[in-house]
Amino acid sequence: MNMNNNELYDAAFIESFSIKAEQLKGLAYQSVQLWDSVGHMSLIALLEDKFDLMMETDDIIDLSSYEKGKEILSEKYGIRF
């Protein structure tokens, strides 16, 4: 089964932080236990893998919430959600 970009994006967060889909909206850096600096890099690695891209350092640092990540991937990397 092929996942759409929204599903891929959500799956990266759910997998990285062991959370439920209902927790995604409004999710921000350090708002859940696993989203610390190590968890952040795991999330980035998963996103890069799922979307086959390499994120720039500034974008990695700027990805501070679930919504901000979509904005960055959409505006800077041409991912459509």
PDB file of N, CA and C in Angstrom:
ATOM      1  N   MET A   1       0.838  -1.186   0.000  1.00  0.00           N
ATOM      2  CA  MET A   1       0.000   0.000   0.000  1.00  0.00           C
ATOM      3  C   MET A   1       0.886   1.254   0.000  1.00  0.00           C
ATOM      4  N   ASN A   2       0.650   2.110  -0.952  1.00  0.00           N
ATOM      5  CA  ASN A   2       1.390   3.366  -0.990  1.00  0.00           C
ATOM      6  C   ASN A   2       0.730   4.383  -0.086  1.00  0.00           C
ATOM      7  N   MET A   3       1.561   5.077   0.677  1.00  0.00           N
ATOM      8  CA  MET A   3       1.045   6.109   1.561  1.00  0.00           C
ATOM      9  C   MET A   3       1.167   7.459   0.876  1.00  0.00           C
ATOM     10  N   ASN A   4       0.205   8.355   1.127  1.00  0.00           N
ATOM     11  CA  ASN A   4       0.343   9.697   0.586  1.00  0.00           C
ATOM     12  C   ASN A   4       1.286  10.494   1.487  1.00  0.00           C
ATOM     13  N   ASN A   5       1.642  11.692   1.068  1.00  0.00           N
ATOM     14  CA  ASN A   5       2.618  12.486   1.812  1.00  0.00           C
ATOM     15  C   ASN A   5       2.167  12.815   3.237  1.00  0.00           C
ATOM     16  N   ASN A   6       0.888  13.077   3.412  1.00  0.00           N
ATOM     17  CA  ASN A   6       0.382  13.333   4.760  1.00  0.00           C
ATOM     18  C   ASN A   6       0.585  12.116   5.658  1.00  0.00           C
ATOM     19  N   GLU A   7       0.285  10.938   5.110  1.00  0.00           N
ATOM     20  CA  GLU A   7       0.438   9.702   5.880  1.00  0.00           C
ATOM     21  C   GLU A   7       1.906   9.420   6.184  1.00  0.00           C
ATOM     22  N   LEU A   8       2.775   9.653   5.213  1.00  0.00           N
ATOM     23  CA  LEU A   8       4.218   9.460   5.429  1.00  0.00           C
ATOM     24  C   LEU A   8       4.722  10.401   6.524  1.00  0.00           C
ATOM     25  N   TYR A   9       4.298  11.646   6.438  1.00  0.00           N
ATOM     26  CA  TYR A   9       4.719  12.661   7.404  1.00  0.00           C
ATOM     27  C   TYR A   9       4.242  12.290   8.810  1.00  0.00           C
ATOM     28  N   ASP A  10       2.959  11.963   8.913  1.00  0.00           N
ATOM     29  CA  ASP A  10       2.403  11.576  10.212  1.00  0.00           C
ATOM     30  C   ASP A  10       3.124  10.355  10.763  1.00  0.00           C
ATOM     31  N   ALA A  11       3.380   9.375   9.916  1.00  0.00           N
ATOM     32  CA  ALA A  11       4.029   8.133  10.346  1.00  0.00           C
ATOM     33  C   ALA A  11       5.415   8.404  10.932  1.00  0.00           C
ATOM     34  N   ALA A  12       6.133   9.360  10.374  1.00  0.00           N
ATOM     35  CA  ALA A  12       7.467   9.695  10.886  1.00  0.00           C
ATOM     36  C   ALA A  12       7.379  10.196  12.332  1.00  0.00           C
ATOM     37  N   PHE A  13       6.398  11.042  12.611  1.00  0.00           N
ATOM     38  CA  PHE A  13       6.220  11.568  13.970  1.00  0.00           C
ATOM     39  C   PHE A  13       5.742  10.471  14.925  1.00  0.00           C
ATOM     40  N   ILE A  14       4.767   9.688  14.475  1.00  0.00           N
ATOM     41  CA  ILE A  14       4.204   8.627  15.314  1.00  0.00           C
ATOM     42  C   ILE A  14       5.286   7.606  15.663  1.00  0.00           C
ATOM     43  N   GLU A  15       6.075   7.241  14.672  1.00  0.00           N
ATOM     44  CA  GLU A  15       7.157   6.271  14.857  1.00  0.00           C
ATOM     45  C   GLU A  15       8.262   6.844  15.748  1.00  0.00           C
ATOM     46  N   SER A  16       8.661   8.076  15.503  1.00  0.00           N
ATOM     47  CA  SER A  16       9.764   8.682  16.258  1.00  0.00           C
ATOM     48  C   SER A  16       9.439   8.881  17.730  1.00  0.00           C
ATOM     49  N   PHE A  17       8.205   9.277  18.002  1.00  0.00           N
ATOM     50  CA  PHE A  17       7.866   9.686  19.356  1.00  0.00           C
ATOM     51  C   PHE A  17       6.888   8.765  20.070  1.00  0.00           C
ATOM     52  N   SER A  18       6.561   7.619  19.452  1.00  0.00           N
ATOM     53  CA  SER A  18       5.635   6.649  20.062  1.00  0.00           C
ATOM     54  C   SER A  18       4.363   7.330  20.561  1.00  0.00           C
ATOM     55  N   ILE A  19       3.734   8.080  19.659  1.00  0.00           N
ATOM     56  CA  ILE A  19       2.509   8.803  20.017  1.00  0.00           C
ATOM     57  C   ILE A  19       1.365   8.344  19.119  1.00  0.00           C
ATOM     58  N   LYS A  20       0.177   8.804  19.429  1.00  0.00           N
ATOM     59  CA  LYS A  20      -1.007   8.500  18.626  1.00  0.00           C
ATOM     60  C   LYS A  20      -1.267   9.649  17.654  1.00  0.00           C
ATOM     61  N   ALA A  21      -1.951   9.343  16.582  1.00  0.00           N
ATOM     62  CA  ALA A  21      -2.261  10.345  15.553  1.00  0.00           C
ATOM     63  C   ALA A  21      -2.989  11.548  16.142  1.00  0.00           C
ATOM     64  N   GLU A  22      -3.816  11.310  17.168  1.00  0.00           N
ATOM     65  CA  GLU A  22      -4.581  12.405  17.787  1.00  0.00           C
ATOM     66  C   GLU A  22      -3.661  13.438  18.456  1.00  0.00           C
ATOM     67  N   GLN A  23      -2.428  13.052  18.745  1.00  0.00           N
ATOM     68  CA  GLN A  23      -1.497  13.952  19.429  1.00  0.00           C
ATOM     69  C   GLN A  23      -0.713  14.849  18.468  1.00  0.00           C
ATOM     70  N   LEU A  24      -0.846  14.638  17.164  1.00  0.00           N
ATOM     71  CA  LEU A  24      -0.009  15.357  16.206  1.00  0.00           C
ATOM     72  C   LEU A  24      -0.314  16.844  16.124  1.00  0.00           C
ATOM     73  N   LYS A  25      -1.588  17.200  16.070  1.00  0.00           N
ATOM     74  CA  LYS A  25      -1.949  18.608  15.908  1.00  0.00           C
ATOM     75  C   LYS A  25      -1.419  19.422  17.084  1.00  0.00           C
ATOM     76  N   GLY A  26      -0.642  20.452  16.772  1.00  0.00           N
ATOM     77  CA  GLY A  26      -0.095  21.310  17.813  1.00  0.00           C
ATOM     78  C   GLY A  26       1.144  20.755  18.511  1.00  0.00           C
ATOM     79  N   LEU A  27       1.608  19.592  18.063  1.00  0.00           N
ATOM     80  CA  LEU A  27       2.789  18.985  18.677  1.00  0.00           C
ATOM     81  C   LEU A  27       4.018  19.867  18.451  1.00  0.00           C
ATOM     82  N   ALA A  28       4.776  20.109  19.512  1.00  0.00           N
ATOM     83  CA  ALA A  28       5.951  20.981  19.413  1.00  0.00           C
ATOM     84  C   ALA A  28       7.159  20.329  20.079  1.00  0.00           C
ATOM     85  N   TYR A  29       8.329  20.814  19.692  1.00  0.00           N
ATOM     86  CA  TYR A  29       9.588  20.322  20.247  1.00  0.00           C
ATOM     87  C   TYR A  29       9.531  20.302  21.771  1.00  0.00           C
ATOM     88  N   GLN A  30       9.922  19.188  22.341  1.00  0.00           N
ATOM     89  CA  GLN A  30       9.955  18.951  23.788  1.00  0.00           C
ATOM     90  C   GLN A  30       8.577  18.910  24.450  1.00  0.00           C
ATOM     91  N   SER A  31       7.507  18.832  23.660  1.00  0.00           N
ATOM     92  CA  SER A  31       6.171  18.729  24.254  1.00  0.00           C
ATOM     93  C   SER A  31       5.835  17.282  24.609  1.00  0.00           C
ATOM     94  N   VAL A  32       6.583  16.342  24.070  1.00  0.00           N
ATOM     95  CA  VAL A  32       6.478  14.939  24.477  1.00  0.00           C
ATOM     96  C   VAL A  32       7.881  14.481  24.862  1.00  0.00           C
ATOM     97  N   GLN A  33       7.934  13.504  25.744  1.00  0.00           N
ATOM     98  CA  GLN A  33       9.203  13.069  26.322  1.00  0.00           C
ATOM     99  C   GLN A  33      10.256  12.705  25.268  1.00  0.00           C
ATOM    100  N   LEU A  34       9.850  12.003  24.224  1.00  0.00           N
ATOM    101  CA  LEU A  34      10.834  11.526  23.247  1.00  0.00           C
ATOM    102  C   LEU A  34      11.309  12.590  22.260  1.00  0.00           C
ATOM    103  N   TRP A  35      10.626  13.762  22.232  1.00  0.00           N
ATOM    104  CA  TRP A  35      11.070  14.810  21.304  1.00  0.00           C
ATOM    105  C   TRP A  35      12.085  15.704  22.002  1.00  0.00           C
ATOM    106  N   ASP A  36      13.263  15.116  22.210  1.00  0.00           N
ATOM    107  CA  ASP A  36      14.406  15.865  22.723  1.00  0.00           C
ATOM    108  C   ASP A  36      15.393  15.989  21.566  1.00  0.00           C
ATOM    109  N   SER A  37      16.619  16.388  21.847  1.00  0.00           N
ATOM    110  CA  SER A  37      17.570  16.596  20.748  1.00  0.00           C
ATOM    111  C   SER A  37      17.867  15.298  19.994  1.00  0.00           C
ATOM    112  N   VAL A  38      17.927  14.183  20.696  1.00  0.00           N
ATOM    113  CA  VAL A  38      18.180  12.896  20.042  1.00  0.00           C
ATOM    114  C   VAL A  38      16.964  12.471  19.227  1.00  0.00           C
ATOM    115  N   GLY A  39      15.789  12.614  19.814  1.00  0.00           N
ATOM    116  CA  GLY A  39      14.552  12.287  19.112  1.00  0.00           C
ATOM    117  C   GLY A  39      14.359  13.155  17.884  1.00  0.00           C
ATOM    118  N   HIS A  40      14.797  14.404  17.985  1.00  0.00           N
ATOM    119  CA  HIS A  40      14.679  15.333  16.858  1.00  0.00           C
ATOM    120  C   HIS A  40      15.492  14.819  15.671  1.00  0.00           C
ATOM    121  N   MET A  41      16.710  14.363  15.931  1.00  0.00           N
ATOM    122  CA  MET A  41      17.550  13.867  14.838  1.00  0.00           C
ATOM    123  C   MET A  41      16.996  12.563  14.254  1.00  0.00           C
ATOM    124  N   SER A  42      16.369  11.752  15.093  1.00  0.00           N
ATOM    125  CA  SER A  42      15.717  10.532  14.595  1.00  0.00           C
ATOM    126  C   SER A  42      14.559  10.896  13.676  1.00  0.00           C
ATOM    127  N   LEU A  43      13.793  11.904  14.084  1.00  0.00           N
ATOM    128  CA  LEU A  43      12.675  12.374  13.259  1.00  0.00           C
ATOM    129  C   LEU A  43      13.190  12.884  11.912  1.00  0.00           C
ATOM    130  N   ILE A  44      14.227  13.698  11.944  1.00  0.00           N
ATOM    131  CA  ILE A  44      14.790  14.263  10.710  1.00  0.00           C
ATOM    132  C   ILE A  44      15.260  13.136   9.793  1.00  0.00           C
ATOM    133  N   ALA A  45      15.964  12.167  10.357  1.00  0.00           N
ATOM    134  CA  ALA A  45      16.452  11.037   9.557  1.00  0.00           C
ATOM    135  C   ALA A  45      15.289  10.292   8.903  1.00  0.00           C
ATOM    136  N   LEU A  46      14.217  10.090   9.649  1.00  0.00           N
ATOM    137  CA  LEU A  46      13.044   9.409   9.097  1.00  0.00           C
ATOM    138  C   LEU A  46      12.393  10.234   7.991  1.00  0.00           C
ATOM    139  N   LEU A  47      12.234  11.527   8.233  1.00  0.00           N
ATOM    140  CA  LEU A  47      11.638  12.395   7.211  1.00  0.00           C
ATOM    141  C   LEU A  47      12.490  12.399   5.944  1.00  0.00           C
ATOM    142  N   GLU A  48      13.801  12.501   6.114  1.00  0.00           N
ATOM    143  CA  GLU A  48      14.695  12.502   4.955  1.00  0.00           C
ATOM    144  C   GLU A  48      14.581  11.190   4.187  1.00  0.00           C
ATOM    145  N   ASP A  49      14.469  10.104   4.916  1.00  0.00           N
ATOM    146  CA  ASP A  49      14.342   8.782   4.299  1.00  0.00           C
ATOM    147  C   ASP A  49      13.006   8.633   3.577  1.00  0.00           C
ATOM    148  N   LYS A  50      11.924   8.984   4.260  1.00  0.00           N
ATOM    149  CA  LYS A  50      10.588   8.820   3.692  1.00  0.00           C
ATOM    150  C   LYS A  50      10.370   9.702   2.459  1.00  0.00           C
ATOM    151  N   PHE A  51      10.949  10.905   2.466  1.00  0.00           N
ATOM    152  CA  PHE A  51      10.741  11.832   1.359  1.00  0.00           C
ATOM    153  C   PHE A  51      11.942  11.922   0.421  1.00  0.00           C
ATOM    154  N   ASP A  52      12.957  11.097   0.674  1.00  0.00           N
ATOM    155  CA  ASP A  52      14.147  11.020  -0.171  1.00  0.00           C
ATOM    156  C   ASP A  52      14.765  12.402  -0.413  1.00  0.00           C
ATOM    157  N   LEU A  53      15.137  13.059   0.684  1.00  0.00           N
ATOM    158  CA  LEU A  53      15.766  14.374   0.582  1.00  0.00           C
ATOM    159  C   LEU A  53      16.776  14.548   1.703  1.00  0.00           C
ATOM    160  N   MET A  54      17.592  15.576   1.572  1.00  0.00           N
ATOM    161  CA  MET A  54      18.542  15.955   2.617  1.00  0.00           C
ATOM    162  C   MET A  54      18.170  17.361   3.065  1.00  0.00           C
ATOM    163  N   MET A  55      17.825  17.498   4.315  1.00  0.00           N
ATOM    164  CA  MET A  55      17.424  18.811   4.812  1.00  0.00           C
ATOM    165  C   MET A  55      18.648  19.646   5.192  1.00  0.00           C
ATOM    166  N   GLU A  56      18.546  20.942   4.959  1.00  0.00           N
ATOM    167  CA  GLU A  56      19.619  21.856   5.338  1.00  0.00           C
ATOM    168  C   GLU A  56      19.577  22.070   6.851  1.00  0.00           C
ATOM    169  N   THR A  57      20.735  22.354   7.425  1.00  0.00           N
ATOM    170  CA  THR A  57      20.863  22.527   8.873  1.00  0.00           C
ATOM    171  C   THR A  57      19.871  23.539   9.425  1.00  0.00           C
ATOM    172  N   ASP A  58      19.722  24.685   8.760  1.00  0.00           N
ATOM    173  CA  ASP A  58      18.784  25.712   9.232  1.00  0.00           C
ATOM    174  C   ASP A  58      17.358  25.172   9.307  1.00  0.00           C
ATOM    175  N   ASP A  59      16.989  24.356   8.324  1.00  0.00           N
ATOM    176  CA  ASP A  59      15.638  23.796   8.299  1.00  0.00           C
ATOM    177  C   ASP A  59      15.461  22.770   9.413  1.00  0.00           C
ATOM    178  N   ILE A  60      16.497  21.999   9.687  1.00  0.00           N
ATOM    179  CA  ILE A  60      16.455  21.016  10.773  1.00  0.00           C
ATOM    180  C   ILE A  60      16.226  21.738  12.101  1.00  0.00           C
ATOM    181  N   ILE A  61      16.935  22.824  12.301  1.00  0.00           N
ATOM    182  CA  ILE A  61      16.807  23.605  13.538  1.00  0.00           C
ATOM    183  C   ILE A  61      15.426  24.267  13.614  1.00  0.00           C
ATOM    184  N   ASP A  62      14.939  24.772  12.476  1.00  0.00           N
ATOM    185  CA  ASP A  62      13.654  25.480  12.438  1.00  0.00           C
ATOM    186  C   ASP A  62      12.443  24.559  12.618  1.00  0.00           C
ATOM    187  N   LEU A  63      12.624  23.261  12.397  1.00  0.00           N
ATOM    188  CA  LEU A  63      11.501  22.336  12.489  1.00  0.00           C
ATOM    189  C   LEU A  63      11.156  22.137  13.974  1.00  0.00           C
ATOM    190  N   SER A  64      10.339  23.026  14.481  1.00  0.00           N
ATOM    191  CA  SER A  64      10.066  23.066  15.919  1.00  0.00           C
ATOM    192  C   SER A  64       8.678  22.566  16.287  1.00  0.00           C
ATOM    193  N   SER A  65       7.879  22.234  15.288  1.00  0.00           N
ATOM    194  CA  SER A  65       6.537  21.721  15.561  1.00  0.00           C
ATOM    195  C   SER A  65       6.055  20.894  14.369  1.00  0.00           C
ATOM    196  N   TYR A  66       4.999  20.144  14.603  1.00  0.00           N
ATOM    197  CA  TYR A  66       4.378  19.331  13.560  1.00  0.00           C
ATOM    198  C   TYR A  66       3.990  20.214  12.368  1.00  0.00           C
ATOM    199  N   GLU A  67       3.335  21.325  12.660  1.00  0.00           N
ATOM    200  CA  GLU A  67       2.876  22.223  11.587  1.00  0.00           C
ATOM    201  C   GLU A  67       4.047  22.891  10.866  1.00  0.00           C
ATOM    202  N   LYS A  68       5.060  23.321  11.611  1.00  0.00           N
ATOM    203  CA  LYS A  68       6.223  23.992  11.019  1.00  0.00           C
ATOM    204  C   LYS A  68       6.966  23.043  10.074  1.00  0.00           C
ATOM    205  N   GLY A  69       7.024  21.787  10.424  1.00  0.00           N
ATOM    206  CA  GLY A  69       7.690  20.805   9.562  1.00  0.00           C
ATOM    207  C   GLY A  69       7.020  20.691   8.203  1.00  0.00           C
ATOM    208  N   LYS A  70       5.700  20.681   8.207  1.00  0.00           N
ATOM    209  CA  LYS A  70       4.963  20.619   6.942  1.00  0.00           C
ATOM    210  C   LYS A  70       5.255  21.860   6.105  1.00  0.00           C
ATOM    211  N   GLU A  71       5.280  23.002   6.779  1.00  0.00           N
ATOM    212  CA  GLU A  71       5.553  24.275   6.101  1.00  0.00           C
ATOM    213  C   GLU A  71       6.947  24.246   5.445  1.00  0.00           C
ATOM    214  N   ILE A  72       7.947  23.793   6.193  1.00  0.00           N
ATOM    215  CA  ILE A  72       9.318  23.732   5.671  1.00  0.00           C
ATOM    216  C   ILE A  72       9.411  22.756   4.491  1.00  0.00           C
ATOM    217  N   LEU A  73       8.864  21.565   4.654  1.00  0.00           N
ATOM    218  CA  LEU A  73       8.950  20.560   3.574  1.00  0.00           C
ATOM    219  C   LEU A  73       8.207  21.035   2.334  1.00  0.00           C
ATOM    220  N   SER A  74       7.100  21.722   2.531  1.00  0.00           N
ATOM    221  CA  SER A  74       6.309  22.224   1.423  1.00  0.00           C
ATOM    222  C   SER A  74       7.010  23.367   0.697  1.00  0.00           C
ATOM    223  N   GLU A  75       7.449  24.380   1.460  1.00  0.00           N
ATOM    224  CA  GLU A  75       8.033  25.584   0.859  1.00  0.00           C
ATOM    225  C   GLU A  75       9.445  25.373   0.323  1.00  0.00           C
ATOM    226  N   LYS A  76      10.266  24.618   1.048  1.00  0.00           N
ATOM    227  CA  LYS A  76      11.679  24.499   0.681  1.00  0.00           C
ATOM    228  C   LYS A  76      12.009  23.270  -0.147  1.00  0.00           C
ATOM    229  N   TYR A  77      11.179  22.220  -0.031  1.00  0.00           N
ATOM    230  CA  TYR A  77      11.528  20.954  -0.682  1.00  0.00           C
ATOM    231  C   TYR A  77      10.464  20.476  -1.667  1.00  0.00           C
ATOM    232  N   GLY A  78       9.426  21.295  -1.851  1.00  0.00           N
ATOM    233  CA  GLY A  78       8.419  20.985  -2.868  1.00  0.00           C
ATOM    234  C   GLY A  78       7.535  19.782  -2.569  1.00  0.00           C
ATOM    235  N   ILE A  79       7.455  19.407  -1.293  1.00  0.00           N
ATOM    236  CA  ILE A  79       6.584  18.281  -0.914  1.00  0.00           C
ATOM    237  C   ILE A  79       5.154  18.807  -0.834  1.00  0.00           C
ATOM    238  N   ARG A  80       4.234  18.127  -1.500  1.00  0.00           N
ATOM    239  CA  ARG A  80       2.830  18.553  -1.488  1.00  0.00           C
ATOM    240  C   ARG A  80       2.054  17.767  -0.444  1.00  0.00           C
ATOM    241  N   PHE A  81       1.318  18.484   0.377  1.00  0.00           N
ATOM    242  CA  PHE A  81       0.477  17.846   1.398  1.00  0.00           C
ATOM    243  C   PHE A  81      -0.991  18.081   1.111  1.00  0.00           C
TER     244      PHE A  81
END
